[in-house]
Amino acid sequence: MSKRQITRERILNAAWTLFAENGYEETTTRQIAREAGVADGTVFSHFPTKLDMLREGMLSQLTQLSEQTLKSSDKAGVELGKHLVSAYYHFYFRNVSLSRALLKEVIWDLEYYQTFNQQLFEFVSLDTTLESKLPLIMDCYFMTLIGHLSKPQPCVEDALAELEHKFQLILKP
C-alpha cells in the first residue's frame, strides 16, 4: 500500500471513529485531521467533503458485511438476497445516527448506491420475472428502511417483518 493510500485509510478510520462517537453532524473535518494525525488540508486532498468520508466509510462497511455474509451463507437465490437484506438492516439499525445522516444526505442521489446494489445482485441468481421486479423490490427496501429509521425508537425486527410482508406481496405468483 502506498503512503497516500495509508494516509487515506487513516483519515477514513479517524472519520468513522469520530462519526460513531460524536455523530456525523457534530464531527468537524478539523477533528478528523487531528485524530488521523494529518494537516487539515490533507483531509480535503483525499476527500472533497465530509459526506464523501461518510459515504466511503459506509460503503466499505457494507462491502465487508456483504463479503462475510456471502462466505458464511449456504443460501441461494431469493433466500440469499433476503439474508443479505437482513444483514444490511441490522448494520443500519446498529448505526442509527450514521445511517440517518447518510440517508438524509443521499436520498437525492440513490444512483450512488444503485451501483453497489447491482454488484450484490450479481451474486444472487434471479430469474427474469424476479429481475423485472427488482426496481420495486429496491423501492420497498429503501422506503421501509427510511420509514423505520425515522421512528423515535427504530426496531430492526419490525422493519424486517414489514419488508418481508412487502416482498411476499411482490413475489407471490
N, C-alpha and C. Protein backbone atom coordinates (compact mmCIF):
# COMPACT_ATOMS: atom_id res chain seq x y z
N MET A 1 0.85 -1.17 0.00
CA MET A 1 0.00 0.00 0.00
C MET A 1 0.90 1.24 0.00
N SER A 2 0.56 2.21 -0.84
CA SER A 2 1.37 3.42 -0.93
C SER A 2 1.14 4.33 0.28
N LYS A 3 2.04 5.28 0.45
CA LYS A 3 1.91 6.23 1.56
C LYS A 3 0.59 7.00 1.45
N ARG A 4 0.21 7.37 0.23
CA ARG A 4 -1.06 8.08 0.02
C ARG A 4 -2.25 7.21 0.44
N GLN A 5 -2.21 5.94 0.09
CA GLN A 5 -3.30 5.04 0.46
C GLN A 5 -3.37 4.85 1.97
N ILE A 6 -2.21 4.76 2.60
CA ILE A 6 -2.17 4.60 4.06
C ILE A 6 -2.76 5.84 4.72
N THR A 7 -2.39 7.02 4.24
CA THR A 7 -2.93 8.27 4.79
C THR A 7 -4.44 8.33 4.60
N ARG A 8 -4.90 7.96 3.43
CA ARG A 8 -6.34 7.95 3.14
C ARG A 8 -7.08 7.03 4.12
N GLU A 9 -6.52 5.85 4.34
CA GLU A 9 -7.12 4.90 5.27
C GLU A 9 -7.15 5.46 6.69
N ARG A 10 -6.06 6.10 7.11
CA ARG A 10 -6.02 6.71 8.45
C ARG A 10 -7.12 7.77 8.59
N ILE A 11 -7.28 8.59 7.56
CA ILE A 11 -8.31 9.64 7.59
C ILE A 11 -9.69 9.00 7.67
N LEU A 12 -9.93 8.01 6.84
CA LEU A 12 -11.23 7.35 6.83
C LEU A 12 -11.51 6.66 8.16
N ASN A 13 -10.53 5.98 8.71
CA ASN A 13 -10.71 5.33 10.02
C ASN A 13 -10.98 6.35 11.12
N ALA A 14 -10.25 7.47 11.08
CA ALA A 14 -10.47 8.53 12.08
C ALA A 14 -11.88 9.10 11.94
N ALA A 15 -12.29 9.35 10.71
CA ALA A 15 -13.63 9.89 10.47
C ALA A 15 -14.69 8.93 10.98
N TRP A 16 -14.54 7.68 10.64
CA TRP A 16 -15.54 6.68 11.05
C TRP A 16 -15.62 6.58 12.57
N THR A 17 -14.46 6.59 13.24
CA THR A 17 -14.42 6.54 14.70
C THR A 17 -15.13 7.75 15.30
N LEU A 18 -14.81 8.93 14.80
CA LEU A 18 -15.41 10.16 15.34
C LEU A 18 -16.90 10.26 15.02
N PHE A 19 -17.30 9.83 13.83
CA PHE A 19 -18.72 9.83 13.49
C PHE A 19 -19.48 8.94 14.46
N ALA A 20 -18.92 7.78 14.75
CA ALA A 20 -19.57 6.84 15.66
C ALA A 20 -19.63 7.39 17.09
N GLU A 21 -18.56 8.05 17.52
CA GLU A 21 -18.50 8.58 18.89
C GLU A 21 -19.33 9.85 19.07
N ASN A 22 -19.20 10.78 18.13
CA ASN A 22 -19.78 12.12 18.30
C ASN A 22 -20.98 12.41 17.42
N GLY A 23 -21.19 11.59 16.40
CA GLY A 23 -22.23 11.85 15.42
C GLY A 23 -21.64 12.56 14.21
N TYR A 24 -22.30 12.37 13.10
CA TYR A 24 -21.82 12.94 11.84
C TYR A 24 -21.84 14.47 11.87
N GLU A 25 -22.97 15.03 12.23
CA GLU A 25 -23.13 16.50 12.22
C GLU A 25 -22.15 17.17 13.18
N GLU A 26 -21.90 16.55 14.31
CA GLU A 26 -21.07 17.16 15.35
C GLU A 26 -19.57 17.03 15.08
N THR A 27 -19.20 16.16 14.17
CA THR A 27 -17.78 15.95 13.87
C THR A 27 -17.32 16.93 12.80
N THR A 28 -16.20 17.58 13.06
CA THR A 28 -15.64 18.52 12.08
C THR A 28 -14.47 17.87 11.34
N THR A 29 -14.17 18.42 10.19
CA THR A 29 -13.03 17.91 9.43
C THR A 29 -11.73 18.20 10.18
N ARG A 30 -11.71 19.26 10.95
CA ARG A 30 -10.53 19.56 11.77
C ARG A 30 -10.30 18.46 12.80
N GLN A 31 -11.37 18.02 13.45
CA GLN A 31 -11.25 16.92 14.42
C GLN A 31 -10.75 15.65 13.73
N ILE A 32 -11.26 15.41 12.54
CA ILE A 32 -10.83 14.22 11.78
C ILE A 32 -9.34 14.30 11.49
N ALA A 33 -8.89 15.47 11.05
CA ALA A 33 -7.46 15.66 10.75
C ALA A 33 -6.61 15.41 11.99
N ARG A 34 -7.04 15.96 13.13
CA ARG A 34 -6.28 15.77 14.38
C ARG A 34 -6.22 14.30 14.76
N GLU A 35 -7.37 13.63 14.68
CA GLU A 35 -7.44 12.21 15.04
C GLU A 35 -6.55 11.36 14.11
N ALA A 36 -6.51 11.74 12.84
CA ALA A 36 -5.70 10.99 11.86
C ALA A 36 -4.23 11.39 11.89
N GLY A 37 -3.92 12.50 12.58
CA GLY A 37 -2.54 12.96 12.65
C GLY A 37 -2.03 13.58 11.35
N VAL A 38 -2.95 14.28 10.65
CA VAL A 38 -2.58 14.93 9.39
C VAL A 38 -3.00 16.39 9.43
N ALA A 39 -2.48 17.16 8.49
CA ALA A 39 -2.87 18.57 8.37
C ALA A 39 -4.30 18.66 7.85
N ASP A 40 -4.97 19.75 8.20
CA ASP A 40 -6.37 19.94 7.79
C ASP A 40 -6.53 19.81 6.28
N GLY A 41 -5.63 20.41 5.52
CA GLY A 41 -5.72 20.37 4.06
C GLY A 41 -5.54 18.98 3.49
N THR A 42 -4.83 18.13 4.20
CA THR A 42 -4.61 16.76 3.74
C THR A 42 -5.93 16.00 3.67
N VAL A 43 -6.81 16.27 4.61
CA VAL A 43 -8.12 15.62 4.60
C VAL A 43 -8.82 15.92 3.28
N PHE A 44 -8.80 17.19 2.87
CA PHE A 44 -9.50 17.58 1.66
C PHE A 44 -8.79 17.14 0.38
N SER A 45 -7.52 16.83 0.47
CA SER A 45 -6.84 16.31 -0.72
C SER A 45 -7.23 14.84 -0.97
N HIS A 46 -7.78 14.20 0.05
CA HIS A 46 -8.23 12.81 -0.09
C HIS A 46 -9.75 12.70 -0.23
N PHE A 47 -10.47 13.59 0.44
CA PHE A 47 -11.93 13.57 0.43
C PHE A 47 -12.44 15.00 0.26
N PRO A 48 -13.10 15.30 -0.86
CA PRO A 48 -13.56 16.67 -1.09
C PRO A 48 -14.51 17.20 0.00
N THR A 49 -15.32 16.29 0.58
CA THR A 49 -16.28 16.72 1.60
C THR A 49 -16.36 15.69 2.72
N LYS A 50 -16.93 16.11 3.82
CA LYS A 50 -17.17 15.21 4.94
C LYS A 50 -18.15 14.11 4.52
N LEU A 51 -19.11 14.46 3.68
CA LEU A 51 -20.08 13.48 3.19
C LEU A 51 -19.37 12.36 2.42
N ASP A 52 -18.33 12.71 1.67
CA ASP A 52 -17.58 11.69 0.94
C ASP A 52 -16.95 10.69 1.91
N MET A 53 -16.52 11.16 3.06
CA MET A 53 -15.95 10.25 4.06
C MET A 53 -17.03 9.33 4.62
N LEU A 54 -18.20 9.89 4.88
CA LEU A 54 -19.30 9.08 5.40
C LEU A 54 -19.72 8.04 4.37
N ARG A 55 -19.87 8.47 3.13
CA ARG A 55 -20.27 7.55 2.06
C ARG A 55 -19.26 6.42 1.91
N GLU A 56 -18.01 6.77 1.81
CA GLU A 56 -16.99 5.74 1.60
C GLU A 56 -16.89 4.82 2.81
N GLY A 57 -17.01 5.38 4.00
CA GLY A 57 -16.97 4.56 5.21
C GLY A 57 -18.12 3.57 5.26
N MET A 58 -19.32 4.04 4.95
CA MET A 58 -20.49 3.16 4.95
C MET A 58 -20.35 2.11 3.86
N LEU A 59 -19.94 2.54 2.68
CA LEU A 59 -19.79 1.61 1.58
C LEU A 59 -18.75 0.54 1.90
N SER A 60 -17.68 0.94 2.54
CA SER A 60 -16.64 0.00 2.95
C SER A 60 -17.20 -1.01 3.96
N GLN A 61 -17.93 -0.50 4.94
CA GLN A 61 -18.53 -1.39 5.94
C GLN A 61 -19.51 -2.36 5.30
N LEU A 62 -20.35 -1.85 4.40
CA LEU A 62 -21.34 -2.71 3.74
C LEU A 62 -20.68 -3.74 2.82
N THR A 63 -19.60 -3.35 2.18
CA THR A 63 -18.87 -4.28 1.32
C THR A 63 -18.29 -5.42 2.16
N GLN A 64 -17.68 -5.08 3.30
CA GLN A 64 -17.15 -6.11 4.19
C GLN A 64 -18.26 -7.03 4.69
N LEU A 65 -19.38 -6.42 5.04
CA LEU A 65 -20.52 -7.19 5.52
C LEU A 65 -21.03 -8.13 4.43
N SER A 66 -21.08 -7.65 3.20
CA SER A 66 -21.51 -8.48 2.07
C SER A 66 -20.60 -9.67 1.90
N GLU A 67 -19.31 -9.41 1.91
CA GLU A 67 -18.34 -10.50 1.72
C GLU A 67 -18.47 -11.54 2.82
N GLN A 68 -18.60 -11.09 4.07
CA GLN A 68 -18.75 -12.02 5.19
C GLN A 68 -20.04 -12.83 5.06
N THR A 69 -21.12 -12.15 4.70
CA THR A 69 -22.42 -12.82 4.58
C THR A 69 -22.40 -13.84 3.46
N LEU A 70 -21.83 -13.45 2.33
CA LEU A 70 -21.77 -14.37 1.19
C LEU A 70 -20.91 -15.60 1.49
N LYS A 71 -19.80 -15.39 2.21
CA LYS A 71 -18.91 -16.52 2.56
C LYS A 71 -19.57 -17.48 3.54
N SER A 72 -20.32 -16.93 4.48
CA SER A 72 -20.85 -17.76 5.56
C SER A 72 -22.24 -18.33 5.28
N SER A 73 -22.86 -17.91 4.18
CA SER A 73 -24.23 -18.35 3.92
C SER A 73 -24.28 -19.58 3.03
N ASP A 74 -25.21 -20.47 3.35
CA ASP A 74 -25.44 -21.63 2.50
C ASP A 74 -26.71 -21.44 1.67
N LYS A 75 -27.24 -20.22 1.67
CA LYS A 75 -28.47 -19.92 0.96
C LYS A 75 -28.15 -19.57 -0.50
N ALA A 76 -29.20 -19.60 -1.34
CA ALA A 76 -29.04 -19.24 -2.74
C ALA A 76 -30.28 -18.48 -3.20
N GLY A 77 -30.15 -17.79 -4.32
CA GLY A 77 -31.29 -17.11 -4.94
C GLY A 77 -31.94 -16.09 -4.03
N VAL A 78 -33.25 -16.12 -3.99
CA VAL A 78 -34.03 -15.16 -3.20
C VAL A 78 -33.69 -15.24 -1.73
N GLU A 79 -33.48 -16.45 -1.23
CA GLU A 79 -33.15 -16.61 0.20
C GLU A 79 -31.81 -15.95 0.53
N LEU A 80 -30.84 -16.03 -0.37
CA LEU A 80 -29.58 -15.35 -0.16
C LEU A 80 -29.79 -13.84 -0.17
N GLY A 81 -30.61 -13.34 -1.07
CA GLY A 81 -30.94 -11.92 -1.12
C GLY A 81 -31.56 -11.45 0.18
N LYS A 82 -32.49 -12.22 0.71
CA LYS A 82 -33.13 -11.87 1.98
C LYS A 82 -32.12 -11.90 3.12
N HIS A 83 -31.20 -12.84 3.07
CA HIS A 83 -30.16 -12.93 4.10
C HIS A 83 -29.27 -11.68 4.08
N LEU A 84 -28.91 -11.24 2.88
CA LEU A 84 -28.12 -10.01 2.74
C LEU A 84 -28.90 -8.80 3.25
N VAL A 85 -30.18 -8.71 2.88
CA VAL A 85 -31.01 -7.60 3.33
C VAL A 85 -31.06 -7.56 4.86
N SER A 86 -31.23 -8.69 5.47
CA SER A 86 -31.27 -8.76 6.93
C SER A 86 -29.95 -8.28 7.52
N ALA A 87 -28.84 -8.71 6.94
CA ALA A 87 -27.53 -8.28 7.44
C ALA A 87 -27.37 -6.76 7.31
N TYR A 88 -27.80 -6.21 6.18
CA TYR A 88 -27.69 -4.75 5.98
C TYR A 88 -28.57 -4.00 6.97
N TYR A 89 -29.81 -4.45 7.11
CA TYR A 89 -30.72 -3.77 8.03
C TYR A 89 -30.16 -3.79 9.45
N HIS A 90 -29.62 -4.94 9.87
CA HIS A 90 -29.04 -5.00 11.21
C HIS A 90 -27.88 -4.01 11.33
N PHE A 91 -27.08 -3.89 10.30
CA PHE A 91 -25.99 -2.92 10.32
C PHE A 91 -26.54 -1.50 10.44
N TYR A 92 -27.50 -1.15 9.61
CA TYR A 92 -28.07 0.20 9.64
C TYR A 92 -28.68 0.51 11.01
N PHE A 93 -29.37 -0.44 11.60
CA PHE A 93 -30.03 -0.20 12.88
C PHE A 93 -29.05 -0.20 14.04
N ARG A 94 -27.89 -0.85 13.90
CA ARG A 94 -26.84 -0.74 14.92
C ARG A 94 -26.16 0.63 14.86
N ASN A 95 -26.24 1.27 13.72
CA ASN A 95 -25.60 2.57 13.48
C ASN A 95 -26.66 3.59 13.08
N VAL A 96 -27.69 3.75 13.91
CA VAL A 96 -28.85 4.56 13.55
C VAL A 96 -28.47 5.99 13.19
N SER A 97 -27.68 6.66 14.01
CA SER A 97 -27.39 8.07 13.72
C SER A 97 -26.58 8.22 12.43
N LEU A 98 -25.60 7.35 12.21
CA LEU A 98 -24.84 7.42 10.96
C LEU A 98 -25.73 7.07 9.76
N SER A 99 -26.59 6.09 9.92
CA SER A 99 -27.50 5.71 8.84
C SER A 99 -28.45 6.85 8.51
N ARG A 100 -28.98 7.48 9.53
CA ARG A 100 -29.88 8.62 9.29
C ARG A 100 -29.14 9.74 8.56
N ALA A 101 -27.93 10.03 9.00
CA ALA A 101 -27.15 11.09 8.35
C ALA A 101 -26.89 10.75 6.89
N LEU A 102 -26.49 9.52 6.65
CA LEU A 102 -26.20 9.10 5.28
C LEU A 102 -27.45 9.17 4.42
N LEU A 103 -28.54 8.60 4.89
CA LEU A 103 -29.76 8.59 4.10
C LEU A 103 -30.29 10.00 3.87
N LYS A 104 -30.14 10.86 4.86
CA LYS A 104 -30.56 12.26 4.71
C LYS A 104 -29.78 12.92 3.58
N GLU A 105 -28.51 12.64 3.52
CA GLU A 105 -27.65 13.27 2.53
C GLU A 105 -27.78 12.65 1.14
N VAL A 106 -28.04 11.36 1.06
CA VAL A 106 -28.02 10.71 -0.25
C VAL A 106 -29.41 10.38 -0.79
N ILE A 107 -30.45 10.78 -0.09
CA ILE A 107 -31.79 10.48 -0.57
C ILE A 107 -32.01 11.00 -1.99
N TRP A 108 -31.29 12.04 -2.33
CA TRP A 108 -31.43 12.62 -3.67
C TRP A 108 -30.39 12.06 -4.63
N ASP A 109 -29.59 11.13 -4.18
CA ASP A 109 -28.52 10.57 -5.00
C ASP A 109 -28.50 9.04 -4.87
N LEU A 110 -29.65 8.43 -5.05
CA LEU A 110 -29.73 6.98 -4.88
C LEU A 110 -28.95 6.23 -5.95
N GLU A 111 -28.65 6.89 -7.05
CA GLU A 111 -27.86 6.25 -8.11
C GLU A 111 -26.49 5.81 -7.56
N TYR A 112 -25.97 6.57 -6.61
CA TYR A 112 -24.69 6.24 -5.99
C TYR A 112 -24.72 4.83 -5.41
N TYR A 113 -25.83 4.47 -4.77
CA TYR A 113 -25.95 3.17 -4.13
C TYR A 113 -26.48 2.09 -5.06
N GLN A 114 -27.10 2.50 -6.16
CA GLN A 114 -27.60 1.51 -7.11
C GLN A 114 -26.45 0.67 -7.68
N THR A 115 -25.30 1.28 -7.90
CA THR A 115 -24.15 0.54 -8.41
C THR A 115 -23.76 -0.55 -7.42
N PHE A 116 -23.71 -0.19 -6.14
CA PHE A 116 -23.39 -1.15 -5.08
C PHE A 116 -24.43 -2.27 -5.07
N ASN A 117 -25.71 -1.89 -5.13
CA ASN A 117 -26.77 -2.89 -5.09
C ASN A 117 -26.71 -3.82 -6.30
N GLN A 118 -26.43 -3.26 -7.48
CA GLN A 118 -26.34 -4.08 -8.68
C GLN A 118 -25.22 -5.10 -8.56
N GLN A 119 -24.09 -4.70 -7.98
CA GLN A 119 -22.98 -5.62 -7.80
C GLN A 119 -23.40 -6.79 -6.90
N LEU A 120 -24.18 -6.48 -5.88
CA LEU A 120 -24.63 -7.53 -4.97
C LEU A 120 -25.53 -8.53 -5.67
N PHE A 121 -26.40 -8.02 -6.52
CA PHE A 121 -27.35 -8.92 -7.17
C PHE A 121 -26.67 -9.81 -8.21
N GLU A 122 -25.43 -9.52 -8.54
CA GLU A 122 -24.67 -10.42 -9.40
C GLU A 122 -24.43 -11.75 -8.69
N PHE A 123 -24.39 -11.72 -7.35
CA PHE A 123 -24.17 -12.93 -6.57
C PHE A 123 -25.46 -13.71 -6.34
N VAL A 124 -26.58 -13.05 -6.54
CA VAL A 124 -27.88 -13.68 -6.32
C VAL A 124 -28.48 -13.96 -7.70
N SER A 125 -28.60 -15.24 -8.04
CA SER A 125 -29.16 -15.57 -9.35
C SER A 125 -30.67 -15.33 -9.33
N LEU A 126 -31.11 -14.46 -10.23
CA LEU A 126 -32.52 -14.09 -10.30
C LEU A 126 -33.10 -14.55 -11.63
N ASP A 127 -34.32 -15.09 -11.58
CA ASP A 127 -34.96 -15.41 -12.84
C ASP A 127 -35.48 -14.10 -13.46
N THR A 128 -35.87 -14.15 -14.71
CA THR A 128 -36.25 -12.92 -15.43
C THR A 128 -37.48 -12.26 -14.83
N THR A 129 -38.41 -13.05 -14.31
CA THR A 129 -39.60 -12.47 -13.68
C THR A 129 -39.20 -11.66 -12.45
N LEU A 130 -38.34 -12.23 -11.64
CA LEU A 130 -37.88 -11.54 -10.44
C LEU A 130 -37.02 -10.33 -10.79
N GLU A 131 -36.19 -10.49 -11.79
CA GLU A 131 -35.33 -9.38 -12.21
C GLU A 131 -36.15 -8.18 -12.65
N SER A 132 -37.29 -8.42 -13.30
CA SER A 132 -38.15 -7.31 -13.73
C SER A 132 -38.79 -6.60 -12.55
N LYS A 133 -38.87 -7.27 -11.40
CA LYS A 133 -39.46 -6.68 -10.20
C LYS A 133 -38.42 -5.99 -9.32
N LEU A 134 -37.16 -6.07 -9.70
CA LEU A 134 -36.07 -5.53 -8.90
C LEU A 134 -36.25 -4.05 -8.55
N PRO A 135 -36.67 -3.19 -9.48
CA PRO A 135 -36.87 -1.77 -9.09
C PRO A 135 -37.91 -1.61 -7.97
N LEU A 136 -38.97 -2.38 -8.02
CA LEU A 136 -39.99 -2.33 -6.97
C LEU A 136 -39.44 -2.87 -5.65
N ILE A 137 -38.67 -3.93 -5.73
CA ILE A 137 -38.05 -4.51 -4.54
C ILE A 137 -37.12 -3.49 -3.89
N MET A 138 -36.30 -2.82 -4.70
CA MET A 138 -35.37 -1.82 -4.17
C MET A 138 -36.12 -0.64 -3.56
N ASP A 139 -37.21 -0.22 -4.19
CA ASP A 139 -38.02 0.87 -3.61
C ASP A 139 -38.54 0.46 -2.24
N CYS A 140 -39.05 -0.76 -2.13
CA CYS A 140 -39.53 -1.24 -0.83
C CYS A 140 -38.41 -1.29 0.18
N TYR A 141 -37.26 -1.76 -0.25
CA TYR A 141 -36.09 -1.85 0.62
C TYR A 141 -35.76 -0.49 1.22
N PHE A 142 -35.60 0.52 0.36
CA PHE A 142 -35.20 1.84 0.84
C PHE A 142 -36.31 2.56 1.61
N MET A 143 -37.53 2.48 1.13
CA MET A 143 -38.60 3.20 1.81
C MET A 143 -38.91 2.59 3.17
N THR A 144 -38.83 1.28 3.28
CA THR A 144 -39.03 0.64 4.58
C THR A 144 -37.90 1.02 5.52
N LEU A 145 -36.68 1.00 5.02
CA LEU A 145 -35.53 1.39 5.82
C LEU A 145 -35.67 2.82 6.32
N ILE A 146 -35.97 3.74 5.42
CA ILE A 146 -36.11 5.15 5.79
C ILE A 146 -37.25 5.34 6.77
N GLY A 147 -38.38 4.69 6.49
CA GLY A 147 -39.54 4.83 7.37
C GLY A 147 -39.24 4.37 8.79
N HIS A 148 -38.57 3.27 8.93
CA HIS A 148 -38.30 2.73 10.27
C HIS A 148 -37.15 3.45 10.96
N LEU A 149 -36.15 3.88 10.21
CA LEU A 149 -35.07 4.65 10.85
C LEU A 149 -35.55 6.03 11.29
N SER A 150 -36.65 6.49 10.71
CA SER A 150 -37.21 7.80 11.07
C SER A 150 -38.00 7.78 12.38
N LYS A 151 -38.33 6.60 12.84
CA LYS A 151 -39.12 6.49 14.07
C LYS A 151 -38.28 6.85 15.28
N PRO A 152 -38.93 7.36 16.34
CA PRO A 152 -38.17 7.70 17.56
C PRO A 152 -37.43 6.51 18.16
N GLN A 153 -38.02 5.33 18.09
CA GLN A 153 -37.39 4.11 18.60
C GLN A 153 -37.32 3.09 17.46
N PRO A 154 -36.35 3.20 16.58
CA PRO A 154 -36.26 2.26 15.45
C PRO A 154 -36.08 0.82 15.92
N CYS A 155 -36.79 -0.08 15.27
CA CYS A 155 -36.72 -1.50 15.63
C CYS A 155 -36.47 -2.32 14.36
N VAL A 156 -35.33 -2.97 14.30
CA VAL A 156 -34.95 -3.74 13.12
C VAL A 156 -35.92 -4.90 12.87
N GLU A 157 -36.41 -5.54 13.93
CA GLU A 157 -37.32 -6.66 13.74
C GLU A 157 -38.62 -6.21 13.09
N ASP A 158 -39.15 -5.06 13.52
CA ASP A 158 -40.37 -4.52 12.90
C ASP A 158 -40.13 -4.17 11.44
N ALA A 159 -38.98 -3.56 11.16
CA ALA A 159 -38.66 -3.18 9.78
C ALA A 159 -38.54 -4.41 8.89
N LEU A 160 -37.85 -5.44 9.38
CA LEU A 160 -37.68 -6.66 8.58
C LEU A 160 -39.01 -7.38 8.37
N ALA A 161 -39.87 -7.37 9.39
CA ALA A 161 -41.18 -8.00 9.24
C ALA A 161 -42.02 -7.27 8.18
N GLU A 162 -42.00 -5.96 8.22
CA GLU A 162 -42.74 -5.18 7.22
C GLU A 162 -42.17 -5.42 5.83
N LEU A 163 -40.86 -5.43 5.73
CA LEU A 163 -40.23 -5.65 4.44
C LEU A 163 -40.54 -7.05 3.90
N GLU A 164 -40.50 -8.05 4.77
CA GLU A 164 -40.83 -9.42 4.36
C GLU A 164 -42.26 -9.48 3.82
N HIS A 165 -43.18 -8.80 4.49
CA HIS A 165 -44.58 -8.77 4.03
C HIS A 165 -44.66 -8.14 2.63
N LYS A 166 -43.96 -7.04 2.44
CA LYS A 166 -43.95 -6.39 1.12
C LYS A 166 -43.35 -7.30 0.06
N PHE A 167 -42.26 -7.97 0.41
CA PHE A 167 -41.62 -8.88 -0.53
C PHE A 167 -42.59 -10.01 -0.91
N GLN A 168 -43.32 -10.53 0.06
CA GLN A 168 -44.27 -11.59 -0.22
C GLN A 168 -45.34 -11.13 -1.21
N LEU A 169 -45.80 -9.89 -1.04
CA LEU A 169 -46.80 -9.35 -1.96
C LEU A 169 -46.23 -9.21 -3.37
N ILE A 170 -45.00 -8.75 -3.45
CA ILE A 170 -44.36 -8.54 -4.75
C ILE A 170 -44.05 -9.87 -5.43
N LEU A 171 -43.61 -10.84 -4.65
CA LEU A 171 -43.11 -12.08 -5.21
C LEU A 171 -44.16 -13.17 -5.39
N LYS A 172 -45.35 -12.96 -4.84
CA LYS A 172 -46.34 -14.04 -4.98
C LYS A 172 -46.75 -14.17 -6.46
N PRO A 173 -46.98 -15.43 -6.84
CA PRO A 173 -47.31 -15.71 -8.25
C PRO A 173 -48.67 -15.17 -8.66
